[in-house]
């Protein structure tokens, strides 16, 4: 009846676990910050299981990559997304 919707290589994290994961990557984040960013529409993609907010690891990784800039030699250089560096 139901297809296998579980994705073992893309686990779901609770808001608390997601905040811990982002913090471990280097983006210090609190669960309350994720809740606020969800409300504002500025955070990582979020899904719900019943009434519980959950975050896929791939969405957290994608969000983190948007927060990281490419390396710069000086503060006078404009910040560029890290993704542009790969194509340059």
PDB file of N, CA and C in Angstrom:
ATOM      1  N   UNK A   1       0.824  -1.194   0.000  1.00  0.00           N
ATOM      2  CA  UNK A   1       0.000   0.000   0.000  1.00  0.00           C
ATOM      3  C   UNK A   1       0.871   1.262   0.000  1.00  0.00           C
ATOM      4  N   UNK A   2       1.817   1.363   0.941  1.00  0.00           N
ATOM      5  CA  UNK A   2       2.701   2.520   0.994  1.00  0.00           C
ATOM      6  C   UNK A   2       4.047   2.142   0.415  1.00  0.00           C
ATOM      7  N   UNK A   3       4.612   3.051  -0.368  1.00  0.00           N
ATOM      8  CA  UNK A   3       5.973   2.841  -0.825  1.00  0.00           C
ATOM      9  C   UNK A   3       6.909   3.127   0.340  1.00  0.00           C
ATOM     10  N   UNK A   4       8.111   2.634   0.254  1.00  0.00           N
ATOM     11  CA  UNK A   4       9.100   2.883   1.302  1.00  0.00           C
ATOM     12  C   UNK A   4       9.503   4.350   1.255  1.00  0.00           C
ATOM     13  N   UNK A   5       8.986   5.155   2.190  1.00  0.00           N
ATOM     14  CA  UNK A   5       9.288   6.579   2.210  1.00  0.00           C
ATOM     15  C   UNK A   5      10.492   6.904   3.068  1.00  0.00           C
ATOM     16  N   UNK A   6      10.978   5.935   3.835  1.00  0.00           N
ATOM     17  CA  UNK A   6      12.169   6.158   4.646  1.00  0.00           C
ATOM     18  C   UNK A   6      13.383   6.213   3.734  1.00  0.00           C
ATOM     19  N   UNK A   7      14.236   7.175   3.973  1.00  0.00           N
ATOM     20  CA  UNK A   7      15.451   7.320   3.186  1.00  0.00           C
ATOM     21  C   UNK A   7      16.640   7.182   4.131  1.00  0.00           C
ATOM     22  N   UNK A   8      17.211   5.984   4.228  1.00  0.00           N
ATOM     23  CA  UNK A   8      18.264   5.746   5.211  1.00  0.00           C
ATOM     24  C   UNK A   8      19.508   6.601   5.001  1.00  0.00           C
ATOM     25  N   UNK A   9      19.766   7.027   3.762  1.00  0.00           N
ATOM     26  CA  UNK A   9      20.955   7.841   3.503  1.00  0.00           C
ATOM     27  C   UNK A   9      20.666   9.325   3.665  1.00  0.00           C
ATOM     28  N   UNK A  10      19.439   9.668   3.963  1.00  0.00           N
ATOM     29  CA  UNK A  10      19.041  11.059   4.167  1.00  0.00           C
ATOM     30  C   UNK A  10      18.121  11.116   5.393  1.00  0.00           C
ATOM     31  N   UNK A  11      18.702  10.911   6.564  1.00  0.00           N
ATOM     32  CA  UNK A  11      17.874  10.809   7.772  1.00  0.00           C
ATOM     33  C   UNK A  11      17.173  12.119   8.136  1.00  0.00           C
ATOM     34  N   UNK A  12      16.124  11.976   8.901  1.00  0.00           N
ATOM     35  CA  UNK A  12      15.407  13.128   9.452  1.00  0.00           C
ATOM     36  C   UNK A  12      15.952  13.443  10.834  1.00  0.00           C
ATOM     37  N   UNK A  13      16.137  14.727  11.105  1.00  0.00           N
ATOM     38  CA  UNK A  13      16.595  15.187  12.410  1.00  0.00           C
ATOM     39  C   UNK A  13      15.509  16.055  13.047  1.00  0.00           C
ATOM     40  N   UNK A  14      15.359  15.933  14.339  1.00  0.00           N
ATOM     41  CA  UNK A  14      14.480  16.845  15.068  1.00  0.00           C
ATOM     42  C   UNK A  14      15.109  18.236  15.026  1.00  0.00           C
ATOM     43  N   UNK A  15      14.372  19.232  15.419  1.00  0.00           N
ATOM     44  CA  UNK A  15      14.907  20.600  15.415  1.00  0.00           C
ATOM     45  C   UNK A  15      16.136  20.695  16.320  1.00  0.00           C
ATOM     46  N   UNK A  16      16.093  20.035  17.465  1.00  0.00           N
ATOM     47  CA  UNK A  16      17.236  20.057  18.384  1.00  0.00           C
ATOM     48  C   UNK A  16      18.446  19.360  17.760  1.00  0.00           C
ATOM     49  N   UNK A  17      18.207  18.209  17.135  1.00  0.00           N
ATOM     50  CA  UNK A  17      19.299  17.478  16.479  1.00  0.00           C
ATOM     51  C   UNK A  17      19.850  18.272  15.290  1.00  0.00           C
ATOM     52  N   UNK A  18      18.965  18.935  14.539  1.00  0.00           N
ATOM     53  CA  UNK A  18      19.383  19.736  13.394  1.00  0.00           C
ATOM     54  C   UNK A  18      20.261  20.900  13.842  1.00  0.00           C
ATOM     55  N   UNK A  19      19.878  21.550  14.926  1.00  0.00           N
ATOM     56  CA  UNK A  19      20.676  22.654  15.456  1.00  0.00           C
ATOM     57  C   UNK A  19      22.050  22.150  15.892  1.00  0.00           C
ATOM     58  N   UNK A  20      22.088  21.007  16.530  1.00  0.00           N
ATOM     59  CA  UNK A  20      23.366  20.416  16.960  1.00  0.00           C
ATOM     60  C   UNK A  20      24.231  20.080  15.749  1.00  0.00           C
ATOM     61  N   UNK A  21      23.631  19.511  14.716  1.00  0.00           N
ATOM     62  CA  UNK A  21      24.356  19.142  13.498  1.00  0.00           C
ATOM     63  C   UNK A  21      24.969  20.381  12.836  1.00  0.00           C
ATOM     64  N   UNK A  22      24.175  21.444  12.666  1.00  0.00           N
ATOM     65  CA  UNK A  22      24.697  22.669  12.055  1.00  0.00           C
ATOM     66  C   UNK A  22      25.811  23.272  12.905  1.00  0.00           C
ATOM     67  N   UNK A  23      25.661  23.210  14.220  1.00  0.00           N
ATOM     68  CA  UNK A  23      26.692  23.729  15.116  1.00  0.00           C
ATOM     69  C   UNK A  23      27.981  22.927  14.955  1.00  0.00           C
ATOM     70  N   UNK A  24      27.862  21.611  14.834  1.00  0.00           N
ATOM     71  CA  UNK A  24      29.043  20.768  14.638  1.00  0.00           C
ATOM     72  C   UNK A  24      29.734  21.073  13.311  1.00  0.00           C
ATOM     73  N   UNK A  25      28.975  21.495  12.301  1.00  0.00           N
ATOM     74  CA  UNK A  25      29.563  21.877  11.019  1.00  0.00           C
ATOM     75  C   UNK A  25      30.285  23.219  11.103  1.00  0.00           C
ATOM     76  N   UNK A  26      29.979  24.003  12.138  1.00  0.00           N
ATOM     77  CA  UNK A  26      30.622  25.304  12.313  1.00  0.00           C
ATOM     78  C   UNK A  26      29.666  26.480  12.268  1.00  0.00           C
ATOM     79  N   UNK A  27      28.386  26.224  12.086  1.00  0.00           N
ATOM     80  CA  UNK A  27      27.375  27.283  12.055  1.00  0.00           C
ATOM     81  C   UNK A  27      26.583  27.201  13.346  1.00  0.00           C
ATOM     82  N   UNK A  28      27.036  27.936  14.352  1.00  0.00           N
ATOM     83  CA  UNK A  28      26.393  27.859  15.660  1.00  0.00           C
ATOM     84  C   UNK A  28      24.918  28.225  15.535  1.00  0.00           C
ATOM     85  N   UNK A  29      24.063  27.286  15.905  1.00  0.00           N
ATOM     86  CA  UNK A  29      22.625  27.422  15.714  1.00  0.00           C
ATOM     87  C   UNK A  29      21.895  26.836  16.910  1.00  0.00           C
ATOM     88  N   UNK A  30      20.872  27.525  17.361  1.00  0.00           N
ATOM     89  CA  UNK A  30      20.010  27.040  18.445  1.00  0.00           C
ATOM     90  C   UNK A  30      18.690  26.558  17.844  1.00  0.00           C
ATOM     91  N   UNK A  31      18.022  25.622  18.510  1.00  0.00           N
ATOM     92  CA  UNK A  31      16.717  25.177  18.014  1.00  0.00           C
ATOM     93  C   UNK A  31      15.733  26.339  17.825  1.00  0.00           C
ATOM     94  N   UNK A  32      15.785  27.311  18.728  1.00  0.00           N
ATOM     95  CA  UNK A  32      14.883  28.467  18.622  1.00  0.00           C
ATOM     96  C   UNK A  32      15.187  29.282  17.364  1.00  0.00           C
ATOM     97  N   UNK A  33      16.453  29.320  16.964  1.00  0.00           N
ATOM     98  CA  UNK A  33      16.832  30.028  15.746  1.00  0.00           C
ATOM     99  C   UNK A  33      16.237  29.334  14.529  1.00  0.00           C
ATOM    100  N   UNK A  34      16.300  28.000  14.501  1.00  0.00           N
ATOM    101  CA  UNK A  34      15.686  27.261  13.391  1.00  0.00           C
ATOM    102  C   UNK A  34      14.186  27.499  13.341  1.00  0.00           C
ATOM    103  N   UNK A  35      13.539  27.551  14.502  1.00  0.00           N
ATOM    104  CA  UNK A  35      12.098  27.813  14.541  1.00  0.00           C
ATOM    105  C   UNK A  35      11.793  29.201  13.981  1.00  0.00           C
ATOM    106  N   UNK A  36      12.586  30.188  14.369  1.00  0.00           N
ATOM    107  CA  UNK A  36      12.368  31.555  13.880  1.00  0.00           C
ATOM    108  C   UNK A  36      12.612  31.624  12.381  1.00  0.00           C
ATOM    109  N   UNK A  37      13.708  31.004  11.925  1.00  0.00           N
ATOM    110  CA  UNK A  37      14.019  31.031  10.498  1.00  0.00           C
ATOM    111  C   UNK A  37      12.950  30.302   9.675  1.00  0.00           C
ATOM    112  N   UNK A  38      12.361  29.251  10.223  1.00  0.00           N
ATOM    113  CA  UNK A  38      11.263  28.564   9.537  1.00  0.00           C
ATOM    114  C   UNK A  38      10.081  29.519   9.395  1.00  0.00           C
ATOM    115  N   UNK A  39       9.767  30.226  10.460  1.00  0.00           N
ATOM    116  CA  UNK A  39       8.664  31.181  10.440  1.00  0.00           C
ATOM    117  C   UNK A  39       8.925  32.293   9.417  1.00  0.00           C
ATOM    118  N   UNK A  40      10.173  32.749   9.340  1.00  0.00           N
ATOM    119  CA  UNK A  40      10.541  33.823   8.413  1.00  0.00           C
ATOM    120  C   UNK A  40      10.734  33.321   6.980  1.00  0.00           C
ATOM    121  N   UNK A  41      10.918  32.016   6.817  1.00  0.00           N
ATOM    122  CA  UNK A  41      11.175  31.459   5.498  1.00  0.00           C
ATOM    123  C   UNK A  41      12.613  31.635   5.051  1.00  0.00           C
ATOM    124  N   UNK A  42      13.547  31.758   5.998  1.00  0.00           N
ATOM    125  CA  UNK A  42      14.943  32.009   5.659  1.00  0.00           C
ATOM    126  C   UNK A  42      15.877  30.859   6.058  1.00  0.00           C
ATOM    127  N   UNK A  43      15.353  29.808   6.617  1.00  0.00           N
ATOM    128  CA  UNK A  43      16.186  28.708   7.095  1.00  0.00           C
ATOM    129  C   UNK A  43      16.194  27.531   6.146  1.00  0.00           C
ATOM    130  N   UNK A  44      16.708  26.406   6.622  1.00  0.00           N
ATOM    131  CA  UNK A  44      16.716  25.202   5.791  1.00  0.00           C
ATOM    132  C   UNK A  44      15.303  24.680   5.577  1.00  0.00           C
ATOM    133  N   UNK A  45      15.133  23.896   4.518  1.00  0.00           N
ATOM    134  CA  UNK A  45      13.832  23.282   4.273  1.00  0.00           C
ATOM    135  C   UNK A  45      13.449  22.416   5.464  1.00  0.00           C
ATOM    136  N   UNK A  46      12.173  22.408   5.760  1.00  0.00           N
ATOM    137  CA  UNK A  46      11.666  21.701   6.935  1.00  0.00           C
ATOM    138  C   UNK A  46      10.424  20.920   6.523  1.00  0.00           C
ATOM    139  N   UNK A  47      10.260  19.755   7.108  1.00  0.00           N
ATOM    140  CA  UNK A  47       9.059  18.968   6.885  1.00  0.00           C
ATOM    141  C   UNK A  47       8.458  18.665   8.250  1.00  0.00           C
ATOM    142  N   UNK A  48       7.284  18.134   8.264  1.00  0.00           N
ATOM    143  CA  UNK A  48       6.653  17.789   9.537  1.00  0.00           C
ATOM    144  C   UNK A  48       6.238  16.324   9.545  1.00  0.00           C
ATOM    145  N   UNK A  49       6.460  15.697  10.650  1.00  0.00           N
ATOM    146  CA  UNK A  49       5.955  14.359  10.919  1.00  0.00           C
ATOM    147  C   UNK A  49       4.945  14.561  12.035  1.00  0.00           C
ATOM    148  N   UNK A  50       3.693  14.399  11.689  1.00  0.00           N
ATOM    149  CA  UNK A  50       2.597  14.808  12.567  1.00  0.00           C
ATOM    150  C   UNK A  50       2.788  16.305  12.837  1.00  0.00           C
ATOM    151  N   UNK A  51       2.947  16.713  14.086  1.00  0.00           N
ATOM    152  CA  UNK A  51       3.136  18.140  14.362  1.00  0.00           C
ATOM    153  C   UNK A  51       4.577  18.474  14.732  1.00  0.00           C
ATOM    154  N   UNK A  52       5.499  17.556  14.466  1.00  0.00           N
ATOM    155  CA  UNK A  52       6.894  17.747  14.845  1.00  0.00           C
ATOM    156  C   UNK A  52       7.728  18.187  13.637  1.00  0.00           C
ATOM    157  N   UNK A  53       8.429  19.303  13.782  1.00  0.00           N
ATOM    158  CA  UNK A  53       9.301  19.800  12.720  1.00  0.00           C
ATOM    159  C   UNK A  53      10.513  18.885  12.592  1.00  0.00           C
ATOM    160  N   UNK A  54      10.813  18.497  11.347  1.00  0.00           N
ATOM    161  CA  UNK A  54      11.938  17.607  11.085  1.00  0.00           C
ATOM    162  C   UNK A  54      12.724  18.153   9.889  1.00  0.00           C
ATOM    163  N   UNK A  55      14.025  17.885   9.904  1.00  0.00           N
ATOM    164  CA  UNK A  55      14.927  18.386   8.873  1.00  0.00           C
ATOM    165  C   UNK A  55      15.704  17.225   8.269  1.00  0.00           C
ATOM    166  N   UNK A  56      15.732  17.135   6.946  1.00  0.00           N
ATOM    167  CA  UNK A  56      16.542  16.123   6.274  1.00  0.00           C
ATOM    168  C   UNK A  56      18.001  16.575   6.273  1.00  0.00           C
ATOM    169  N   UNK A  57      18.894  15.620   6.422  1.00  0.00           N
ATOM    170  CA  UNK A  57      20.324  15.917   6.447  1.00  0.00           C
ATOM    171  C   UNK A  57      20.742  16.641   5.171  1.00  0.00           C
ATOM    172  N   UNK A  58      20.243  16.205   4.031  1.00  0.00           N
ATOM    173  CA  UNK A  58      20.617  16.848   2.758  1.00  0.00           C
ATOM    174  C   UNK A  58      20.182  18.314   2.724  1.00  0.00           C
ATOM    175  N   UNK A  59      19.047  18.636   3.333  1.00  0.00           N
ATOM    176  CA  UNK A  59      18.586  20.021   3.365  1.00  0.00           C
ATOM    177  C   UNK A  59      19.451  20.859   4.300  1.00  0.00           C
ATOM    178  N   UNK A  60      19.881  20.261   5.402  1.00  0.00           N
ATOM    179  CA  UNK A  60      20.776  20.968   6.323  1.00  0.00           C
ATOM    180  C   UNK A  60      22.124  21.234   5.653  1.00  0.00           C
ATOM    181  N   UNK A  61      22.639  20.244   4.921  1.00  0.00           N
ATOM    182  CA  UNK A  61      23.908  20.415   4.213  1.00  0.00           C
ATOM    183  C   UNK A  61      23.792  21.513   3.154  1.00  0.00           C
ATOM    184  N   UNK A  62      22.682  21.534   2.426  1.00  0.00           N
ATOM    185  CA  UNK A  62      22.466  22.561   1.404  1.00  0.00           C
ATOM    186  C   UNK A  62      22.382  23.945   2.039  1.00  0.00           C
ATOM    187  N   UNK A  63      21.668  24.056   3.160  1.00  0.00           N
ATOM    188  CA  UNK A  63      21.560  25.335   3.861  1.00  0.00           C
ATOM    189  C   UNK A  63      22.932  25.790   4.341  1.00  0.00           C
ATOM    190  N   UNK A  64      23.699  24.870   4.926  1.00  0.00           N
ATOM    191  CA  UNK A  64      25.031  25.213   5.406  1.00  0.00           C
ATOM    192  C   UNK A  64      25.884  25.747   4.265  1.00  0.00           C
ATOM    193  N   UNK A  65      25.817  25.112   3.112  1.00  0.00           N
ATOM    194  CA  UNK A  65      26.644  25.547   1.986  1.00  0.00           C
ATOM    195  C   UNK A  65      26.289  26.957   1.531  1.00  0.00           C
ATOM    196  N   UNK A  66      25.039  27.388   1.732  1.00  0.00           N
ATOM    197  CA  UNK A  66      24.659  28.757   1.362  1.00  0.00           C
ATOM    198  C   UNK A  66      25.186  29.780   2.360  1.00  0.00           C
ATOM    199  N   UNK A  67      25.586  29.326   3.534  1.00  0.00           N
ATOM    200  CA  UNK A  67      26.069  30.231   4.574  1.00  0.00           C
ATOM    201  C   UNK A  67      27.589  30.392   4.559  1.00  0.00           C
ATOM    202  N   UNK A  68      28.282  29.591   3.751  1.00  0.00           N
ATOM    203  CA  UNK A  68      29.741  29.595   3.707  1.00  0.00           C
ATOM    204  C   UNK A  68      30.202  30.394   2.499  1.00  0.00           C
ATOM    205  N   UNK A  69      31.148  31.309   2.724  1.00  0.00           N
ATOM    206  CA  UNK A  69      31.678  32.088   1.608  1.00  0.00           C
ATOM    207  C   UNK A  69      32.945  31.441   1.075  1.00  0.00           C
ATOM    208  N   UNK A  70      33.285  31.819  -0.140  1.00  0.00           N
ATOM    209  CA  UNK A  70      34.551  31.393  -0.729  1.00  0.00           C
ATOM    210  C   UNK A  70      35.685  32.092   0.027  1.00  0.00           C
ATOM    211  N   UNK A  71      36.863  31.512   0.053  1.00  0.00           N
ATOM    212  CA  UNK A  71      37.999  32.153   0.732  1.00  0.00           C
ATOM    213  C   UNK A  71      38.332  33.508   0.094  1.00  0.00           C
ATOM    214  N   UNK A  72      38.788  34.442   0.938  1.00  0.00           N
ATOM    215  CA  UNK A  72      39.191  35.773   0.471  1.00  0.00           C
ATOM    216  C   UNK A  72      40.579  36.081   1.016  1.00  0.00           C
ATOM    217  N   UNK A  73      41.326  36.881   0.319  1.00  0.00           N
ATOM    218  CA  UNK A  73      42.651  37.300   0.789  1.00  0.00           C
ATOM    219  C   UNK A  73      42.570  38.535   1.668  1.00  0.00           C
ATOM    220  N   UNK A  74      41.488  39.296   1.548  1.00  0.00           N
ATOM    221  CA  UNK A  74      41.375  40.559   2.263  1.00  0.00           C
ATOM    222  C   UNK A  74      39.911  40.857   2.554  1.00  0.00           C
ATOM    223  N   UNK A  75      39.683  41.621   3.624  1.00  0.00           N
ATOM    224  CA  UNK A  75      38.316  42.027   3.942  1.00  0.00           C
ATOM    225  C   UNK A  75      37.776  43.010   2.920  1.00  0.00           C
ATOM    226  N   UNK A  76      38.662  43.598   2.099  1.00  0.00           N
ATOM    227  CA  UNK A  76      38.195  44.523   1.062  1.00  0.00           C
ATOM    228  C   UNK A  76      37.610  43.785  -0.143  1.00  0.00           C
ATOM    229  N   UNK A  77      37.888  42.490  -0.265  1.00  0.00           N
ATOM    230  CA  UNK A  77      37.287  41.700  -1.329  1.00  0.00           C
ATOM    231  C   UNK A  77      35.835  41.398  -0.976  1.00  0.00           C
ATOM    232  N   UNK A  78      34.939  41.467  -1.953  1.00  0.00           N
ATOM    233  CA  UNK A  78      33.540  41.133  -1.647  1.00  0.00           C
ATOM    234  C   UNK A  78      33.396  39.640  -1.347  1.00  0.00           C
ATOM    235  N   UNK A  79      32.455  39.322  -0.497  1.00  0.00           N
ATOM    236  CA  UNK A  79      32.164  37.919  -0.201  1.00  0.00           C
ATOM    237  C   UNK A  79      31.433  37.303  -1.377  1.00  0.00           C
ATOM    238  N   UNK A  80      31.839  36.098  -1.714  1.00  0.00           N
ATOM    239  CA  UNK A  80      31.174  35.345  -2.768  1.00  0.00           C
ATOM    240  C   UNK A  80      30.757  34.011  -2.183  1.00  0.00           C
ATOM    241  N   UNK A  81      29.632  33.479  -2.636  1.00  0.00           N
ATOM    242  CA  UNK A  81      29.251  32.137  -2.165  1.00  0.00           C
ATOM    243  C   UNK A  81      30.330  31.114  -2.509  1.00  0.00           C
ATOM    244  N   UNK A  82      30.525  30.150  -1.661  1.00  0.00           N
ATOM    245  CA  UNK A  82      31.542  29.131  -1.884  1.00  0.00           C
ATOM    246  C   UNK A  82      31.284  28.364  -3.172  1.00  0.00           C
ATOM    247  N   UNK A  83      30.041  28.240  -3.590  1.00  0.00           N
ATOM    248  CA  UNK A  83      29.710  27.522  -4.818  1.00  0.00           C
ATOM    249  C   UNK A  83      30.327  28.165  -6.049  1.00  0.00           C
ATOM    250  N   UNK A  84      30.425  29.508  -6.077  1.00  0.00           N
ATOM    251  CA  UNK A  84      30.989  30.195  -7.234  1.00  0.00           C
ATOM    252  C   UNK A  84      32.460  29.879  -7.402  1.00  0.00           C
ATOM    253  N   UNK A  85      33.146  29.591  -6.310  1.00  0.00           N
ATOM    254  CA  UNK A  85      34.562  29.298  -6.359  1.00  0.00           C
ATOM    255  C   UNK A  85      34.828  28.061  -7.200  1.00  0.00           C
ATOM    256  N   UNK A  86      33.976  27.052  -7.077  1.00  0.00           N
ATOM    257  CA  UNK A  86      34.156  25.811  -7.811  1.00  0.00           C
ATOM    258  C   UNK A  86      34.068  26.025  -9.315  1.00  0.00           C
ATOM    259  N   UNK A  87      33.243  26.983  -9.745  1.00  0.00           N
ATOM    260  CA  UNK A  87      33.082  27.222 -11.172  1.00  0.00           C
ATOM    261  C   UNK A  87      34.101  28.221 -11.692  1.00  0.00           C
ATOM    262  N   UNK A  88      34.791  28.941 -10.824  1.00  0.00           N
ATOM    263  CA  UNK A  88      35.760  29.952 -11.239  1.00  0.00           C
ATOM    264  C   UNK A  88      37.101  29.361 -11.586  1.00  0.00           C
TER     265      UNK A  88
END
